[in-house]
Amino acid sequence: MTKEKQILQFMEKLNISREEAEQLFLDDQEDYIGTDGEEMTSKAKDLKRYEKGEKPRKKMEKERKVDFDKKFLLTEISSCLEDIEDLEIISMKNEVELSFKFKSSNYTLKLTKHRSKKTE
């Protein structure tokens, strides 16, 4: 498309004057995007880009914290349950759950420690 056709097309489609259309044509030829656009482009170049690396990250292994109060309570509860006839303690999962069998049914007792409300 020739320069003149491009300018006429800008004038028609964008409803601008001939001077504005000529300036737009020159800016397109020079790849100029205005002072604001140039400023944003320079800022974008300064931004750090985080890209995924080729080698996988090492997974951090957290050491599980044992709640000794809960462990004590579940141990006491299990010793009380042992005195009941027809009750068989199956397992104690950490300090969280106590599984047992009473008569012909299986049960699980789960101990939950609630956090105290935060004060502002």
PDB file of N, CA and C in Angstrom:
ATOM      1  N   MET A   1       0.849  -1.167   0.000  1.00  0.00           N
ATOM      2  CA  MET A   1       0.000   0.000   0.000  1.00  0.00           C
ATOM      3  C   MET A   1       0.898   1.235   0.000  1.00  0.00           C
ATOM      4  N   THR A   2       0.555   2.193  -0.807  1.00  0.00           N
ATOM      5  CA  THR A   2       1.383   3.388  -0.932  1.00  0.00           C
ATOM      6  C   THR A   2       1.144   4.313   0.253  1.00  0.00           C
ATOM      7  N   LYS A   3       2.055   5.287   0.360  1.00  0.00           N
ATOM      8  CA  LYS A   3       1.993   6.245   1.454  1.00  0.00           C
ATOM      9  C   LYS A   3       0.679   7.023   1.409  1.00  0.00           C
ATOM     10  N   GLU A   4       0.303   7.487   0.238  1.00  0.00           N
ATOM     11  CA  GLU A   4      -0.899   8.303   0.089  1.00  0.00           C
ATOM     12  C   GLU A   4      -2.157   7.503   0.441  1.00  0.00           C
ATOM     13  N   LYS A   5      -2.217   6.263  -0.011  1.00  0.00           N
ATOM     14  CA  LYS A   5      -3.379   5.425   0.286  1.00  0.00           C
ATOM     15  C   LYS A   5      -3.492   5.179   1.796  1.00  0.00           C
ATOM     16  N   GLN A   6      -2.339   4.946   2.436  1.00  0.00           N
ATOM     17  CA  GLN A   6      -2.305   4.702   3.888  1.00  0.00           C
ATOM     18  C   GLN A   6      -2.810   5.930   4.639  1.00  0.00           C
ATOM     19  N   ILE A   7      -2.340   7.120   4.241  1.00  0.00           N
ATOM     20  CA  ILE A   7      -2.757   8.365   4.902  1.00  0.00           C
ATOM     21  C   ILE A   7      -4.255   8.571   4.726  1.00  0.00           C
ATOM     22  N   LEU A   8      -4.758   8.366   3.514  1.00  0.00           N
ATOM     23  CA  LEU A   8      -6.194   8.517   3.271  1.00  0.00           C
ATOM     24  C   LEU A   8      -7.014   7.510   4.087  1.00  0.00           C
ATOM     25  N   GLN A   9      -6.497   6.325   4.226  1.00  0.00           N
ATOM     26  CA  GLN A   9      -7.185   5.299   5.014  1.00  0.00           C
ATOM     27  C   GLN A   9      -7.239   5.699   6.492  1.00  0.00           C
ATOM     28  N   PHE A  10      -6.112   6.228   7.021  1.00  0.00           N
ATOM     29  CA  PHE A  10      -6.091   6.709   8.409  1.00  0.00           C
ATOM     30  C   PHE A  10      -7.126   7.810   8.613  1.00  0.00           C
ATOM     31  N   MET A  11      -7.161   8.757   7.669  1.00  0.00           N
ATOM     32  CA  MET A  11      -8.086   9.886   7.773  1.00  0.00           C
ATOM     33  C   MET A  11      -9.531   9.390   7.792  1.00  0.00           C
ATOM     34  N   GLU A  12      -9.836   8.428   6.959  1.00  0.00           N
ATOM     35  CA  GLU A  12     -11.203   7.936   6.851  1.00  0.00           C
ATOM     36  C   GLU A  12     -11.612   7.098   8.063  1.00  0.00           C
ATOM     37  N   LYS A  13     -10.775   6.128   8.431  1.00  0.00           N
ATOM     38  CA  LYS A  13     -11.142   5.193   9.498  1.00  0.00           C
ATOM     39  C   LYS A  13     -11.039   5.808  10.892  1.00  0.00           C
ATOM     40  N   LEU A  14     -10.050   6.669  11.100  1.00  0.00           N
ATOM     41  CA  LEU A  14      -9.854   7.249  12.425  1.00  0.00           C
ATOM     42  C   LEU A  14     -10.494   8.619  12.574  1.00  0.00           C
ATOM     43  N   ASN A  15     -11.022   9.155  11.468  1.00  0.00           N
ATOM     44  CA  ASN A  15     -11.671  10.465  11.474  1.00  0.00           C
ATOM     45  C   ASN A  15     -10.717  11.535  12.029  1.00  0.00           C
ATOM     46  N   ILE A  16      -9.517  11.621  11.434  1.00  0.00           N
ATOM     47  CA  ILE A  16      -8.508  12.602  11.850  1.00  0.00           C
ATOM     48  C   ILE A  16      -8.126  13.472  10.655  1.00  0.00           C
ATOM     49  N   SER A  17      -7.419  14.584  10.976  1.00  0.00           N
ATOM     50  CA  SER A  17      -7.002  15.502   9.902  1.00  0.00           C
ATOM     51  C   SER A  17      -5.834  14.913   9.122  1.00  0.00           C
ATOM     52  N   ARG A  18      -5.499  15.554   8.021  1.00  0.00           N
ATOM     53  CA  ARG A  18      -4.405  15.076   7.162  1.00  0.00           C
ATOM     54  C   ARG A  18      -3.073  15.142   7.907  1.00  0.00           C
ATOM     55  N   GLU A  19      -2.853  16.238   8.661  1.00  0.00           N
ATOM     56  CA  GLU A  19      -1.586  16.378   9.399  1.00  0.00           C
ATOM     57  C   GLU A  19      -1.428  15.244  10.411  1.00  0.00           C
ATOM     58  N   GLU A  20      -2.515  14.919  11.128  1.00  0.00           N
ATOM     59  CA  GLU A  20      -2.445  13.846  12.112  1.00  0.00           C
ATOM     60  C   GLU A  20      -2.195  12.494  11.422  1.00  0.00           C
ATOM     61  N   ALA A  21      -2.835  12.306  10.285  1.00  0.00           N
ATOM     62  CA  ALA A  21      -2.650  11.058   9.544  1.00  0.00           C
ATOM     63  C   ALA A  21      -1.219  10.926   9.037  1.00  0.00           C
ATOM     64  N   GLU A  22      -0.627  12.024   8.583  1.00  0.00           N
ATOM     65  CA  GLU A  22       0.767  11.992   8.117  1.00  0.00           C
ATOM     66  C   GLU A  22       1.705  11.703   9.283  1.00  0.00           C
ATOM     67  N   GLN A  23       1.425  12.327  10.437  1.00  0.00           N
ATOM     68  CA  GLN A  23       2.267  12.080  11.609  1.00  0.00           C
ATOM     69  C   GLN A  23       2.157  10.616  12.042  1.00  0.00           C
ATOM     70  N   LEU A  24       0.948  10.080  12.000  1.00  0.00           N
ATOM     71  CA  LEU A  24       0.729   8.679  12.351  1.00  0.00           C
ATOM     72  C   LEU A  24       1.487   7.759  11.393  1.00  0.00           C
ATOM     73  N   PHE A  25       1.484   8.093  10.120  1.00  0.00           N
ATOM     74  CA  PHE A  25       2.214   7.308   9.138  1.00  0.00           C
ATOM     75  C   PHE A  25       3.712   7.326   9.429  1.00  0.00           C
ATOM     76  N   LEU A  26       4.253   8.528   9.745  1.00  0.00           N
ATOM     77  CA  LEU A  26       5.691   8.635  10.064  1.00  0.00           C
ATOM     78  C   LEU A  26       6.033   7.863  11.327  1.00  0.00           C
ATOM     79  N   ASP A  27       5.162   7.976  12.332  1.00  0.00           N
ATOM     80  CA  ASP A  27       5.411   7.248  13.584  1.00  0.00           C
ATOM     81  C   ASP A  27       5.406   5.746  13.346  1.00  0.00           C
ATOM     82  N   ASP A  28       4.492   5.272  12.492  1.00  0.00           N
ATOM     83  CA  ASP A  28       4.455   3.845  12.176  1.00  0.00           C
ATOM     84  C   ASP A  28       5.722   3.407  11.461  1.00  0.00           C
ATOM     85  N   GLN A  29       6.218   4.259  10.587  1.00  0.00           N
ATOM     86  CA  GLN A  29       7.433   3.923   9.844  1.00  0.00           C
ATOM     87  C   GLN A  29       8.644   3.882  10.764  1.00  0.00           C
ATOM     88  N   GLU A  30       8.688   4.778  11.751  1.00  0.00           N
ATOM     89  CA  GLU A  30       9.829   4.841  12.675  1.00  0.00           C
ATOM     90  C   GLU A  30       9.656   3.920  13.873  1.00  0.00           C
ATOM     91  N   ASP A  31       8.491   3.289  13.979  1.00  0.00           N
ATOM     92  CA  ASP A  31       8.173   2.428  15.112  1.00  0.00           C
ATOM     93  C   ASP A  31       8.195   3.226  16.411  1.00  0.00           C
ATOM     94  N   TYR A  32       7.661   4.440  16.357  1.00  0.00           N
ATOM     95  CA  TYR A  32       7.612   5.334  17.513  1.00  0.00           C
ATOM     96  C   TYR A  32       6.248   5.197  18.161  1.00  0.00           C
ATOM     97  N   ILE A  33       6.222   5.007  19.477  1.00  0.00           N
ATOM     98  CA  ILE A  33       4.953   4.791  20.163  1.00  0.00           C
ATOM     99  C   ILE A  33       4.601   5.919  21.127  1.00  0.00           C
ATOM    100  N   GLY A  34       5.272   7.038  21.021  1.00  0.00           N
ATOM    101  CA  GLY A  34       4.980   8.182  21.881  1.00  0.00           C
ATOM    102  C   GLY A  34       5.835   8.171  23.132  1.00  0.00           C
ATOM    103  N   THR A  35       5.863   9.302  23.833  1.00  0.00           N
ATOM    104  CA  THR A  35       6.707   9.416  25.029  1.00  0.00           C
ATOM    105  C   THR A  35       6.238   8.471  26.126  1.00  0.00           C
ATOM    106  N   ASP A  36       4.916   8.351  26.308  1.00  0.00           N
ATOM    107  CA  ASP A  36       4.406   7.443  27.342  1.00  0.00           C
ATOM    108  C   ASP A  36       4.742   5.994  27.009  1.00  0.00           C
ATOM    109  N   GLY A  37       4.565   5.639  25.759  1.00  0.00           N
ATOM    110  CA  GLY A  37       4.864   4.277  25.331  1.00  0.00           C
ATOM    111  C   GLY A  37       6.340   3.946  25.454  1.00  0.00           C
ATOM    112  N   GLU A  38       7.181   4.905  25.085  1.00  0.00           N
ATOM    113  CA  GLU A  38       8.633   4.689  25.204  1.00  0.00           C
ATOM    114  C   GLU A  38       9.026   4.537  26.672  1.00  0.00           C
ATOM    115  N   GLU A  39       8.411   5.331  27.548  1.00  0.00           N
ATOM    116  CA  GLU A  39       8.712   5.258  28.978  1.00  0.00           C
ATOM    117  C   GLU A  39       8.294   3.903  29.543  1.00  0.00           C
ATOM    118  N   MET A  40       7.104   3.418  29.148  1.00  0.00           N
ATOM    119  CA  MET A  40       6.645   2.114  29.620  1.00  0.00           C
ATOM    120  C   MET A  40       7.541   0.993  29.106  1.00  0.00           C
ATOM    121  N   THR A  41       8.024   1.125  27.874  1.00  0.00           N
ATOM    122  CA  THR A  41       8.904   0.112  27.307  1.00  0.00           C
ATOM    123  C   THR A  41      10.217   0.053  28.076  1.00  0.00           C
ATOM    124  N   SER A  42      10.751   1.216  28.432  1.00  0.00           N
ATOM    125  CA  SER A  42      12.025   1.218  29.178  1.00  0.00           C
ATOM    126  C   SER A  42      11.827   0.646  30.580  1.00  0.00           C
ATOM    127  N   LYS A  43      10.674   0.908  31.199  1.00  0.00           N
ATOM    128  CA  LYS A  43      10.405   0.344  32.530  1.00  0.00           C
ATOM    129  C   LYS A  43      10.245  -1.171  32.444  1.00  0.00           C
ATOM    130  N   ALA A  44       9.621  -1.642  31.374  1.00  0.00           N
ATOM    131  CA  ALA A  44       9.405  -3.078  31.207  1.00  0.00           C
ATOM    132  C   ALA A  44      10.732  -3.812  31.058  1.00  0.00           C
ATOM    133  N   LYS A  45      11.713  -3.169  30.457  1.00  0.00           N
ATOM    134  CA  LYS A  45      13.024  -3.808  30.298  1.00  0.00           C
ATOM    135  C   LYS A  45      13.730  -3.958  31.638  1.00  0.00           C
ATOM    136  N   ASP A  46      13.424  -3.046  32.599  1.00  0.00           N
ATOM    137  CA  ASP A  46      14.055  -3.095  33.909  1.00  0.00           C
ATOM    138  C   ASP A  46      13.451  -4.159  34.819  1.00  0.00           C
ATOM    139  N   LEU A  47      12.235  -4.622  34.508  1.00  0.00           N
ATOM    140  CA  LEU A  47      11.583  -5.616  35.343  1.00  0.00           C
ATOM    141  C   LEU A  47      12.331  -6.942  35.279  1.00  0.00           C
ATOM    142  N   LYS A  48      12.419  -7.588  36.442  1.00  0.00           N
ATOM    143  CA  LYS A  48      13.061  -8.896  36.481  1.00  0.00           C
ATOM    144  C   LYS A  48      12.063  -9.945  36.042  1.00  0.00           C
ATOM    145  N   ARG A  49      12.513 -10.869  35.250  1.00  0.00           N
ATOM    146  CA  ARG A  49      11.663 -11.961  34.787  1.00  0.00           C
ATOM    147  C   ARG A  49      12.108 -13.235  35.478  1.00  0.00           C
ATOM    148  N   TYR A  50      11.147 -13.902  36.073  1.00  0.00           N
ATOM    149  CA  TYR A  50      11.438 -15.160  36.741  1.00  0.00           C
ATOM    150  C   TYR A  50      10.944 -16.292  35.852  1.00  0.00           C
ATOM    151  N   GLU A  51      11.870 -17.107  35.439  1.00  0.00           N
ATOM    152  CA  GLU A  51      11.522 -18.218  34.567  1.00  0.00           C
ATOM    153  C   GLU A  51      11.903 -19.517  35.257  1.00  0.00           C
ATOM    154  N   LYS A  52      11.191 -20.556  34.902  1.00  0.00           N
ATOM    155  CA  LYS A  52      11.431 -21.852  35.501  1.00  0.00           C
ATOM    156  C   LYS A  52      12.765 -22.414  35.022  1.00  0.00           C
ATOM    157  N   GLY A  53      13.573 -22.855  35.951  1.00  0.00           N
ATOM    158  CA  GLY A  53      14.865 -23.425  35.617  1.00  0.00           C
ATOM    159  C   GLY A  53      14.737 -24.852  35.121  1.00  0.00           C
ATOM    160  N   GLU A  54      15.818 -25.375  34.609  1.00  0.00           N
ATOM    161  CA  GLU A  54      15.796 -26.730  34.065  1.00  0.00           C
ATOM    162  C   GLU A  54      15.868 -27.785  35.156  1.00  0.00           C
ATOM    163  N   LYS A  55      16.651 -27.529  36.205  1.00  0.00           N
ATOM    164  CA  LYS A  55      16.765 -28.536  37.251  1.00  0.00           C
ATOM    165  C   LYS A  55      15.660 -28.325  38.294  1.00  0.00           C
ATOM    166  N   PRO A  56      15.102 -29.390  38.800  1.00  0.00           N
ATOM    167  CA  PRO A  56      14.003 -29.277  39.766  1.00  0.00           C
ATOM    168  C   PRO A  56      14.502 -28.762  41.116  1.00  0.00           C
ATOM    169  N   ARG A  57      13.602 -28.084  41.821  1.00  0.00           N
ATOM    170  CA  ARG A  57      13.957 -27.563  43.144  1.00  0.00           C
ATOM    171  C   ARG A  57      14.040 -28.692  44.154  1.00  0.00           C
ATOM    172  N   LYS A  58      14.886 -28.501  45.131  1.00  0.00           N
ATOM    173  CA  LYS A  58      14.985 -29.463  46.218  1.00  0.00           C
ATOM    174  C   LYS A  58      13.772 -29.298  47.112  1.00  0.00           C
ATOM    175  N   LYS A  59      13.156 -30.393  47.461  1.00  0.00           N
ATOM    176  CA  LYS A  59      12.008 -30.326  48.347  1.00  0.00           C
ATOM    177  C   LYS A  59      12.511 -30.275  49.789  1.00  0.00           C
ATOM    178  N   MET A  60      12.010 -29.278  50.500  1.00  0.00           N
ATOM    179  CA  MET A  60      12.404 -29.132  51.901  1.00  0.00           C
ATOM    180  C   MET A  60      11.605 -30.121  52.741  1.00  0.00           C
ATOM    181  N   GLU A  61      12.289 -30.852  53.552  1.00  0.00           N
ATOM    182  CA  GLU A  61      11.613 -31.796  54.429  1.00  0.00           C
ATOM    183  C   GLU A  61      11.466 -31.150  55.795  1.00  0.00           C
ATOM    184  N   LYS A  62      10.198 -30.952  56.196  1.00  0.00           N
ATOM    185  CA  LYS A  62       9.936 -30.362  57.502  1.00  0.00           C
ATOM    186  C   LYS A  62       9.850 -31.471  58.539  1.00  0.00           C
ATOM    187  N   GLU A  63      10.457 -31.202  59.670  1.00  0.00           N
ATOM    188  CA  GLU A  63      10.371 -32.158  60.757  1.00  0.00           C
ATOM    189  C   GLU A  63       9.042 -31.935  61.461  1.00  0.00           C
ATOM    190  N   ARG A  64       8.292 -32.992  61.606  1.00  0.00           N
ATOM    191  CA  ARG A  64       6.981 -32.900  62.214  1.00  0.00           C
ATOM    192  C   ARG A  64       7.103 -32.627  63.700  1.00  0.00           C
ATOM    193  N   LYS A  65       6.321 -31.648  64.186  1.00  0.00           N
ATOM    194  CA  LYS A  65       6.360 -31.306  65.610  1.00  0.00           C
ATOM    195  C   LYS A  65       5.377 -32.192  66.362  1.00  0.00           C
ATOM    196  N   VAL A  66       5.845 -32.811  67.412  1.00  0.00           N
ATOM    197  CA  VAL A  66       5.008 -33.680  68.219  1.00  0.00           C
ATOM    198  C   VAL A  66       4.359 -32.842  69.312  1.00  0.00           C
ATOM    199  N   ASP A  67       3.042 -32.990  69.462  1.00  0.00           N
ATOM    200  CA  ASP A  67       2.318 -32.292  70.519  1.00  0.00           C
ATOM    201  C   ASP A  67       2.238 -33.241  71.716  1.00  0.00           C
ATOM    202  N   PHE A  68       3.058 -32.990  72.720  1.00  0.00           N
ATOM    203  CA  PHE A  68       3.171 -33.898  73.855  1.00  0.00           C
ATOM    204  C   PHE A  68       1.920 -33.888  74.733  1.00  0.00           C
ATOM    205  N   ASP A  69       1.214 -32.771  74.766  1.00  0.00           N
ATOM    206  CA  ASP A  69      -0.025 -32.710  75.544  1.00  0.00           C
ATOM    207  C   ASP A  69      -1.074 -33.646  74.933  1.00  0.00           C
ATOM    208  N   LYS A  70      -1.221 -33.601  73.623  1.00  0.00           N
ATOM    209  CA  LYS A  70      -2.183 -34.471  72.958  1.00  0.00           C
ATOM    210  C   LYS A  70      -1.777 -35.941  73.119  1.00  0.00           C
ATOM    211  N   LYS A  71      -0.488 -36.196  73.037  1.00  0.00           N
ATOM    212  CA  LYS A  71      -0.006 -37.573  73.189  1.00  0.00           C
ATOM    213  C   LYS A  71      -0.326 -38.102  74.589  1.00  0.00           C
ATOM    214  N   PHE A  72      -0.117 -37.255  75.570  1.00  0.00           N
ATOM    215  CA  PHE A  72      -0.417 -37.629  76.955  1.00  0.00           C
ATOM    216  C   PHE A  72      -1.906 -37.934  77.108  1.00  0.00           C
ATOM    217  N   LEU A  73      -2.762 -37.056  76.573  1.00  0.00           N
ATOM    218  CA  LEU A  73      -4.208 -37.240  76.696  1.00  0.00           C
ATOM    219  C   LEU A  73      -4.672 -38.527  76.011  1.00  0.00           C
ATOM    220  N   LEU A  74      -4.191 -38.772  74.805  1.00  0.00           N
ATOM    221  CA  LEU A  74      -4.596 -39.992  74.097  1.00  0.00           C
ATOM    222  C   LEU A  74      -4.097 -41.251  74.796  1.00  0.00           C
ATOM    223  N   THR A  75      -2.938 -41.184  75.377  1.00  0.00           N
ATOM    224  CA  THR A  75      -2.409 -42.328  76.120  1.00  0.00           C
ATOM    225  C   THR A  75      -3.280 -42.611  77.335  1.00  0.00           C
ATOM    226  N   GLU A  76      -3.684 -41.548  78.024  1.00  0.00           N
ATOM    227  CA  GLU A  76      -4.556 -41.714  79.193  1.00  0.00           C
ATOM    228  C   GLU A  76      -5.916 -42.270  78.782  1.00  0.00           C
ATOM    229  N   ILE A  77      -6.452 -41.764  77.677  1.00  0.00           N
ATOM    230  CA  ILE A  77      -7.743 -42.250  77.185  1.00  0.00           C
ATOM    231  C   ILE A  77      -7.633 -43.724  76.802  1.00  0.00           C
ATOM    232  N   SER A  78      -6.541 -44.095  76.156  1.00  0.00           N
ATOM    233  CA  SER A  78      -6.375 -45.499  75.748  1.00  0.00           C
ATOM    234  C   SER A  78      -6.251 -46.407  76.965  1.00  0.00           C
ATOM    235  N   SER A  79      -5.576 -45.949  78.007  1.00  0.00           N
ATOM    236  CA  SER A  79      -5.466 -46.782  79.212  1.00  0.00           C
ATOM    237  C   SER A  79      -6.824 -46.937  79.906  1.00  0.00           C
ATOM    238  N   CYS A  80      -7.661 -45.908  79.826  1.00  0.00           N
ATOM    239  CA  CYS A  80      -9.018 -46.015  80.378  1.00  0.00           C
ATOM    240  C   CYS A  80      -9.865 -46.979  79.555  1.00  0.00           C
ATOM    241  N   LEU A  81      -9.701 -46.925  78.242  1.00  0.00           N
ATOM    242  CA  LEU A  81     -10.480 -47.797  77.364  1.00  0.00           C
ATOM    243  C   LEU A  81     -10.095 -49.264  77.515  1.00  0.00           C
ATOM    244  N   GLU A  82      -8.845 -49.518  77.883  1.00  0.00           N
ATOM    245  CA  GLU A  82      -8.379 -50.898  78.033  1.00  0.00           C
ATOM    246  C   GLU A  82      -9.141 -51.641  79.120  1.00  0.00           C
ATOM    247  N   ASP A  83      -9.692 -50.898  80.069  1.00  0.00           N
ATOM    248  CA  ASP A  83     -10.422 -51.515  81.181  1.00  0.00           C
ATOM    249  C   ASP A  83     -11.810 -51.994  80.750  1.00  0.00           C
ATOM    250  N   ILE A  84     -12.280 -51.569  79.611  1.00  0.00           N
ATOM    251  CA  ILE A  84     -13.611 -51.944  79.143  1.00  0.00           C
ATOM    252  C   ILE A  84     -13.562 -53.338  78.529  1.00  0.00           C
ATOM    253  N   GLU A  85     -14.553 -54.132  78.885  1.00  0.00           N
ATOM    254  CA  GLU A  85     -14.621 -55.493  78.384  1.00  0.00           C
ATOM    255  C   GLU A  85     -15.051 -55.483  76.907  1.00  0.00           C
ATOM    256  N   ASP A  86     -14.586 -56.390  76.123  1.00  0.00           N
ATOM    257  CA  ASP A  86     -14.878 -56.522  74.687  1.00  0.00           C
ATOM    258  C   ASP A  86     -14.317 -55.358  73.866  1.00  0.00           C
ATOM    259  N   LEU A  87     -13.339 -54.681  74.378  1.00  0.00           N
ATOM    260  CA  LEU A  87     -12.729 -53.573  73.636  1.00  0.00           C
ATOM    261  C   LEU A  87     -11.277 -53.911  73.355  1.00  0.00           C
ATOM    262  N   GLU A  88     -10.890 -53.753  72.094  1.00  0.00           N
ATOM    263  CA  GLU A  88      -9.514 -54.053  71.687  1.00  0.00           C
ATOM    264  C   GLU A  88      -8.934 -52.821  70.989  1.00  0.00           C
ATOM    265  N   ILE A  89      -7.841 -52.300  71.500  1.00  0.00           N
ATOM    266  CA  ILE A  89      -7.198 -51.136  70.881  1.00  0.00           C
ATOM    267  C   ILE A  89      -6.403 -51.635  69.678  1.00  0.00           C
ATOM    268  N   ILE A  90      -6.697 -51.020  68.512  1.00  0.00           N
ATOM    269  CA  ILE A  90      -6.058 -51.454  67.276  1.00  0.00           C
ATOM    270  C   ILE A  90      -4.763 -50.686  67.050  1.00  0.00           C
ATOM    271  N   SER A  91      -4.856 -49.354  67.067  1.00  0.00           N
ATOM    272  CA  SER A  91      -3.645 -48.561  66.828  1.00  0.00           C
ATOM    273  C   SER A  91      -3.820 -47.145  67.347  1.00  0.00           C
ATOM    274  N   MET A  92      -2.671 -46.498  67.506  1.00  0.00           N
ATOM    275  CA  MET A  92      -2.647 -45.086  67.895  1.00  0.00           C
ATOM    276  C   MET A  92      -1.801 -44.374  66.853  1.00  0.00           C
ATOM    277  N   LYS A  93      -2.455 -43.539  66.044  1.00  0.00           N
ATOM    278  CA  LYS A  93      -1.760 -42.847  64.966  1.00  0.00           C
ATOM    279  C   LYS A  93      -1.183 -41.546  65.514  1.00  0.00           C
ATOM    280  N   ASN A  94       0.147 -41.534  65.682  1.00  0.00           N
ATOM    281  CA  ASN A  94       0.863 -40.397  66.274  1.00  0.00           C
ATOM    282  C   ASN A  94       0.137 -39.961  67.545  1.00  0.00           C
ATOM    283  N   GLU A  95      -0.119 -38.687  67.675  1.00  0.00           N
ATOM    284  CA  GLU A  95      -0.883 -38.218  68.826  1.00  0.00           C
ATOM    285  C   GLU A  95      -2.215 -37.654  68.356  1.00  0.00           C
ATOM    286  N   VAL A  96      -2.704 -38.200  67.258  1.00  0.00           N
ATOM    287  CA  VAL A  96      -3.904 -37.650  66.636  1.00  0.00           C
ATOM    288  C   VAL A  96      -5.102 -38.586  66.769  1.00  0.00           C
ATOM    289  N   GLU A  97      -4.941 -39.849  66.433  1.00  0.00           N
ATOM    290  CA  GLU A  97      -6.065 -40.771  66.377  1.00  0.00           C
ATOM    291  C   GLU A  97      -5.810 -42.026  67.198  1.00  0.00           C
ATOM    292  N   LEU A  98      -6.899 -42.528  67.716  1.00  0.00           N
ATOM    293  CA  LEU A  98      -6.867 -43.787  68.446  1.00  0.00           C
ATOM    294  C   LEU A  98      -7.937 -44.673  67.836  1.00  0.00           C
ATOM    295  N   SER A  99      -7.535 -45.801  67.283  1.00  0.00           N
ATOM    296  CA  SER A  99      -8.493 -46.721  66.655  1.00  0.00           C
ATOM    297  C   SER A  99      -8.677 -47.928  67.559  1.00  0.00           C
ATOM    298  N   PHE A 100      -9.929 -48.339  67.723  1.00  0.00           N
ATOM    299  CA  PHE A 100     -10.218 -49.497  68.556  1.00  0.00           C
ATOM    300  C   PHE A 100     -11.441 -50.230  68.044  1.00  0.00           C
ATOM    301  N   LYS A 101     -11.581 -51.461  68.563  1.00  0.00           N
ATOM    302  CA  LYS A 101     -12.696 -52.311  68.155  1.00  0.00           C
ATOM    303  C   LYS A 101     -13.507 -52.630  69.407  1.00  0.00           C
ATOM    304  N   PHE A 102     -14.799 -52.354  69.319  1.00  0.00           N
ATOM    305  CA  PHE A 102     -15.678 -52.657  70.439  1.00  0.00           C
ATOM    306  C   PHE A 102     -16.752 -53.598  69.930  1.00  0.00           C
ATOM    307  N   LYS A 103     -16.830 -54.745  70.553  1.00  0.00           N
ATOM    308  CA  LYS A 103     -17.702 -55.834  70.108  1.00  0.00           C
ATOM    309  C   LYS A 103     -17.352 -56.163  68.659  1.00  0.00           C
ATOM    310  N   SER A 104     -18.193 -55.873  67.693  1.00  0.00           N
ATOM    311  CA  SER A 104     -17.851 -56.223  66.314  1.00  0.00           C
ATOM    312  C   SER A 104     -17.706 -54.988  65.432  1.00  0.00           C
ATOM    313  N   SER A 105     -17.638 -53.803  66.037  1.00  0.00           N
ATOM    314  CA  SER A 105     -17.543 -52.554  65.264  1.00  0.00           C
ATOM    315  C   SER A 105     -16.204 -51.867  65.511  1.00  0.00           C
ATOM    316  N   ASN A 106     -15.725 -51.200  64.464  1.00  0.00           N
ATOM    317  CA  ASN A 106     -14.479 -50.441  64.566  1.00  0.00           C
ATOM    318  C   ASN A 106     -14.792 -48.970  64.831  1.00  0.00           C
ATOM    319  N   TYR A 107     -13.981 -48.324  65.654  1.00  0.00           N
ATOM    320  CA  TYR A 107     -14.160 -46.921  66.007  1.00  0.00           C
ATOM    321  C   TYR A 107     -12.823 -46.188  65.895  1.00  0.00           C
ATOM    322  N   THR A 108     -12.927 -44.903  65.691  1.00  0.00           N
ATOM    323  CA  THR A 108     -11.744 -44.054  65.686  1.00  0.00           C
ATOM    324  C   THR A 108     -12.047 -42.823  66.521  1.00  0.00           C
ATOM    325  N   LEU A 109     -11.169 -42.548  67.442  1.00  0.00           N
ATOM    326  CA  LEU A 109     -11.292 -41.373  68.283  1.00  0.00           C
ATOM    327  C   LEU A 109     -10.216 -40.388  67.831  1.00  0.00           C
ATOM    328  N   LYS A 110     -10.643 -39.207  67.411  1.00  0.00           N
ATOM    329  CA  LYS A 110      -9.698 -38.226  66.898  1.00  0.00           C
ATOM    330  C   LYS A 110      -9.654 -37.042  67.852  1.00  0.00           C
ATOM    331  N   LEU A 111      -8.455 -36.653  68.228  1.00  0.00           N
ATOM    332  CA  LEU A 111      -8.270 -35.557  69.168  1.00  0.00           C
ATOM    333  C   LEU A 111      -7.812 -34.317  68.404  1.00  0.00           C
ATOM    334  N   THR A 112      -8.558 -33.226  68.572  1.00  0.00           N
ATOM    335  CA  THR A 112      -8.244 -31.975  67.879  1.00  0.00           C
ATOM    336  C   THR A 112      -7.939 -30.896  68.894  1.00  0.00           C
ATOM    337  N   LYS A 113      -6.822 -30.246  68.705  1.00  0.00           N
ATOM    338  CA  LYS A 113      -6.454 -29.128  69.576  1.00  0.00           C
ATOM    339  C   LYS A 113      -6.774 -27.847  68.807  1.00  0.00           C
ATOM    340  N   HIS A 114      -7.629 -27.022  69.378  1.00  0.00           N
ATOM    341  CA  HIS A 114      -8.044 -25.794  68.712  1.00  0.00           C
ATOM    342  C   HIS A 114      -7.100 -24.651  69.098  1.00  0.00           C
ATOM    343  N   ARG A 115      -6.824 -23.822  68.112  1.00  0.00           N
ATOM    344  CA  ARG A 115      -5.952 -22.670  68.362  1.00  0.00           C
ATOM    345  C   ARG A 115      -6.725 -21.586  69.103  1.00  0.00           C
ATOM    346  N   SER A 116      -6.016 -20.839  69.911  1.00  0.00           N
ATOM    347  CA  SER A 116      -6.664 -19.732  70.602  1.00  0.00           C
ATOM    348  C   SER A 116      -6.877 -18.579  69.619  1.00  0.00           C
ATOM    349  N   LYS A 117      -7.940 -17.801  69.848  1.00  0.00           N
ATOM    350  CA  LYS A 117      -8.244 -16.699  68.952  1.00  0.00           C
ATOM    351  C   LYS A 117      -7.188 -15.624  69.077  1.00  0.00           C
ATOM    352  N   LYS A 118      -6.862 -15.014  67.922  1.00  0.00           N
ATOM    353  CA  LYS A 118      -5.868 -13.938  67.911  1.00  0.00           C
ATOM    354  C   LYS A 118      -6.484 -12.676  68.486  1.00  0.00           C
ATOM    355  N   THR A 119      -5.694 -11.968  69.254  1.00  0.00           N
ATOM    356  CA  THR A 119      -6.144 -10.667  69.768  1.00  0.00           C
ATOM    357  C   THR A 119      -5.481  -9.575  68.946  1.00  0.00           C
ATOM    358  N   GLU A 120      -6.240  -8.536  68.686  1.00  0.00           N
ATOM    359  CA  GLU A 120      -5.716  -7.471  67.828  1.00  0.00           C
ATOM    360  C   GLU A 120      -5.007  -6.414  68.597  1.00  0.00           C
TER     361      GLU A 120
END
